[in-house]
Amino acid sequence: VQLVESGGGLVQPGGSLRLSCAASGFTFSSYAMSWYRQAPGKERELVAVVISVGGTTNYADSVKGRFTIFRDNAKNTVYLQMNSLKPEDTAVYYCHARWLVYSYWGQGTQVTVSS
């Protein structure tokens, strides 16, 4: 099983980034896919989730209206489009897959929002 994140980097406040998470080794379409983030000295928090059926999404209040999670089951990939980025969005962003008792994490990608 692998979850490989990409797309992180340094961006100015107000800018945009799109994170990608390429999955392999499991039935991607069956899994709820999420993005979490962890800032220095803080606990890991859920940012956004998209369920396996119907594409229903849910977001943390802090990112609603700015971030969009979506998935492409044909490519086994989940994305996080991040717009209007703020310095407080700086964190390591992790991809997560969950189905029943099965739970997998990616290695994380750093997002830094700074001028």
Protein backbone atom coordinates (compact mmCIF):
# COMPACT_ATOMS: atom_id res chain seq x y z
CA VAL A 1 0.00 0.00 0.00
CA GLN A 2 1.28 3.43 -0.90
CA LEU A 3 -0.04 6.97 -0.61
CA VAL A 4 2.30 9.47 -2.24
CA GLU A 5 1.60 13.16 -1.76
CA SER A 6 2.94 15.88 -4.02
CA GLY A 7 2.34 19.54 -4.80
CA GLY A 8 3.48 21.19 -1.59
CA GLY A 9 5.82 24.14 -1.48
CA LEU A 10 6.25 27.79 -0.60
CA VAL A 11 3.49 30.21 -1.58
CA GLN A 12 2.67 33.80 -0.73
CA PRO A 13 -0.43 34.69 1.28
CA GLY A 14 -3.45 34.78 -1.01
CA GLY A 15 -1.90 32.27 -3.38
CA SER A 16 -3.00 28.79 -4.41
CA LEU A 17 -1.63 25.26 -4.40
CA ARG A 18 -3.02 21.91 -5.46
CA LEU A 19 -1.94 18.84 -3.54
CA SER A 20 -2.17 15.38 -5.07
CA CYS A 21 -2.16 11.98 -3.43
CA ALA A 22 -1.56 8.98 -5.66
CA ALA A 23 -2.74 5.70 -4.17
CA SER A 24 -1.79 2.13 -4.93
CA GLY A 25 -2.09 -1.30 -3.42
CA PHE A 26 -5.73 -1.16 -2.36
CA THR A 27 -9.18 -0.65 -3.85
CA PHE A 28 -9.10 3.13 -3.93
CA SER A 29 -12.74 3.61 -4.92
CA SER A 30 -13.94 1.85 -1.75
CA TYR A 31 -12.07 4.13 0.62
CA ALA A 32 -12.97 7.45 2.16
CA MET A 33 -10.08 9.78 1.42
CA SER A 34 -9.01 12.64 3.63
CA TRP A 35 -6.42 15.34 4.00
CA TYR A 36 -5.04 16.13 7.43
CA ARG A 37 -2.45 18.69 8.45
CA GLN A 38 -0.09 19.18 11.34
CA ALA A 39 1.56 22.46 12.18
CA PRO A 40 4.64 22.65 14.44
CA GLY A 41 3.68 22.16 18.06
CA LYS A 42 0.08 21.32 17.22
CA GLU A 43 -1.96 18.15 16.91
CA ARG A 44 -2.81 16.69 13.54
CA GLU A 45 -6.21 17.94 12.40
CA LEU A 46 -8.68 16.88 9.74
CA VAL A 47 -8.86 19.34 6.86
CA ALA A 48 -11.23 17.69 4.40
CA VAL A 49 -12.77 14.32 3.56
CA VAL A 50 -14.49 12.85 0.50
CA ILE A 51 -16.40 9.61 0.93
CA SER A 52 -16.21 6.66 -1.41
CA VAL A 53 -19.74 6.73 -2.77
CA GLY A 54 -21.49 9.83 -4.05
CA GLY A 55 -18.53 12.12 -3.50
CA THR A 56 -19.93 13.82 -0.42
CA THR A 57 -17.37 16.13 1.15
CA ASN A 58 -16.82 17.74 4.50
CA TYR A 59 -14.40 20.45 5.60
CA ALA A 60 -12.90 21.95 8.70
CA ASP A 61 -14.47 25.32 9.44
CA SER A 62 -11.08 27.00 9.03
CA VAL A 63 -10.85 26.04 5.34
CA LYS A 64 -14.49 26.12 4.18
CA GLY A 65 -14.89 28.22 1.06
CA ARG A 66 -11.15 28.19 0.36
CA PHE A 67 -10.22 24.50 -0.03
CA THR A 68 -11.80 21.87 -2.25
CA ILE A 69 -11.22 18.12 -2.00
CA PHE A 70 -12.01 15.92 -4.99
CA ARG A 71 -11.08 12.47 -6.21
CA ASP A 72 -10.50 10.76 -9.54
CA ASN A 73 -11.17 7.07 -9.04
CA ALA A 74 -9.92 6.28 -12.54
CA LYS A 75 -6.51 7.66 -11.57
CA ASN A 76 -6.56 6.47 -7.94
CA THR A 77 -5.82 10.01 -6.90
CA VAL A 78 -7.28 12.49 -4.45
CA TYR A 79 -6.62 16.21 -4.65
CA LEU A 80 -6.80 19.22 -2.39
CA GLN A 81 -7.19 22.55 -4.15
CA MET A 82 -6.15 25.29 -1.77
CA ASN A 83 -7.01 28.89 -2.58
CA SER A 84 -6.66 32.15 -0.65
CA LEU A 85 -3.92 30.60 1.45
CA LYS A 86 -3.08 32.13 4.80
CA PRO A 87 0.06 31.89 6.95
CA GLU A 88 -1.93 29.79 9.42
CA ASP A 89 -2.35 27.15 6.70
CA THR A 90 1.37 26.39 7.02
CA ALA A 91 1.72 22.72 7.97
CA VAL A 92 2.67 19.29 6.78
CA TYR A 93 -0.30 17.92 4.86
CA TYR A 94 -1.04 14.21 4.99
CA CYS A 95 -3.21 12.04 2.81
CA HIS A 96 -5.29 9.38 4.57
CA ALA A 97 -7.36 6.44 3.36
CA ARG A 98 -9.94 4.62 5.48
CA TRP A 99 -12.31 1.71 4.92
CA LEU A 100 -13.76 -0.30 7.81
CA VAL A 101 -10.76 -1.13 10.01
CA TYR A 102 -8.21 -0.37 7.31
CA SER A 103 -6.33 2.93 7.61
CA TYR A 104 -3.34 4.18 5.64
CA TRP A 105 -1.24 7.35 5.75
CA GLY A 106 1.02 9.09 3.31
CA GLN A 107 4.39 10.52 4.24
CA GLY A 108 3.26 14.14 4.10
CA THR A 109 4.08 17.19 2.04
CA GLN A 110 5.12 20.56 3.44
CA VAL A 111 3.05 23.64 2.68
CA THR A 112 4.50 26.98 3.74
CA VAL A 113 2.55 30.21 3.33
CA SER A 114 4.81 33.19 3.78
CA SER A 115 5.76 36.46 2.16
